[in-house]
Amino acid sequence: MTREEMENMSVEDAFQKIDLMINELSGDIPLEKSFELYKDGIELLKCCNEKIERVEQQIMIINEEGDLDEFQ
């Protein structure tokens, strides 16, 4: 899976893909395949983390005076 494919994937889809990878890793698979799945899973998690951080930076809350403040 390329980085571009990961970035185009929604966070929800990425978590589903990670879940499938975990299930596959739980089975009897060759060592090389397990390393590949592990590496792809870590990259997907990094991509999800970056997306979540970007959203957190954009979230605004309304303070008591009715003005917008950044969510912390």
Protein backbone atom coordinates (compact mmCIF):
# COMPACT_ATOMS: atom_id res chain seq x y z
CA MET A 1 0.00 0.00 0.00
CA THR A 2 1.43 3.36 -1.01
CA ARG A 3 1.51 6.45 1.18
CA GLU A 4 -0.86 8.16 -1.29
CA GLU A 5 -3.40 5.33 -0.94
CA MET A 6 -3.15 5.62 2.84
CA GLU A 7 -3.69 9.37 2.78
CA ASN A 8 -6.74 9.01 0.52
CA MET A 9 -8.28 6.50 2.91
CA SER A 10 -10.64 7.71 5.62
CA VAL A 11 -9.61 7.15 9.22
CA GLU A 12 -12.49 4.71 9.65
CA ASP A 13 -11.43 2.71 6.58
CA ALA A 14 -7.82 2.71 7.78
CA PHE A 15 -8.87 1.35 11.19
CA GLN A 16 -10.87 -1.39 9.46
CA LYS A 17 -7.82 -2.25 7.34
CA ILE A 18 -5.64 -2.35 10.47
CA ASP A 19 -8.17 -4.67 12.12
CA LEU A 20 -7.98 -7.01 9.12
CA MET A 21 -4.19 -6.92 9.30
CA ILE A 22 -4.26 -7.84 12.99
CA ASN A 23 -6.57 -10.77 12.24
CA GLU A 24 -4.26 -11.91 9.46
CA LEU A 25 -1.22 -11.58 11.74
CA SER A 26 -2.98 -13.81 14.26
CA GLY A 27 -3.05 -16.63 11.72
CA ASP A 28 -0.38 -18.89 10.34
CA ILE A 29 1.43 -16.74 7.76
CA PRO A 30 5.02 -16.63 6.51
CA LEU A 31 7.44 -14.44 8.43
CA GLU A 32 8.04 -12.14 5.46
CA LYS A 33 4.31 -11.52 5.10
CA SER A 34 3.99 -10.76 8.82
CA PHE A 35 6.79 -8.16 8.56
CA GLU A 36 5.08 -6.58 5.56
CA LEU A 37 1.71 -6.43 7.36
CA TYR A 38 3.33 -5.02 10.49
CA LYS A 39 5.15 -2.31 8.50
CA ASP A 40 1.99 -1.36 6.59
CA GLY A 41 -0.01 -1.30 9.84
CA ILE A 42 2.47 1.05 11.49
CA GLU A 43 2.39 3.35 8.46
CA LEU A 44 -1.43 3.36 8.50
CA LEU A 45 -1.42 4.23 12.20
CA LYS A 46 1.00 7.11 11.56
CA CYS A 47 -1.21 8.39 8.76
CA CYS A 48 -4.30 8.18 10.99
CA ASN A 49 -2.50 10.00 13.77
CA GLU A 50 -1.53 12.82 11.39
CA LYS A 51 -5.12 13.14 10.16
CA ILE A 52 -6.50 13.21 13.70
CA GLU A 53 -3.96 15.85 14.75
CA ARG A 54 -4.94 18.04 11.77
CA VAL A 55 -8.60 17.81 12.74
CA GLU A 56 -7.83 18.59 16.39
CA GLN A 57 -6.02 21.73 15.30
CA GLN A 58 -9.09 22.87 13.37
CA ILE A 59 -11.69 22.25 16.05
CA MET A 60 -13.04 25.41 17.60
CA ILE A 61 -15.19 25.78 20.69
CA ILE A 62 -17.49 28.58 21.75
CA ASN A 63 -16.42 30.29 24.97
CA GLU A 64 -18.71 31.94 27.53
CA GLU A 65 -18.71 35.23 25.59
CA GLY A 66 -19.82 33.51 22.40
CA ASP A 67 -16.42 33.87 20.72
CA LEU A 68 -14.56 30.99 19.11
CA ASP A 69 -11.45 29.57 20.75
CA GLU A 70 -9.21 26.77 19.60
CA PHE A 71 -9.93 23.42 21.19
CA GLN A 72 -7.18 22.30 23.59
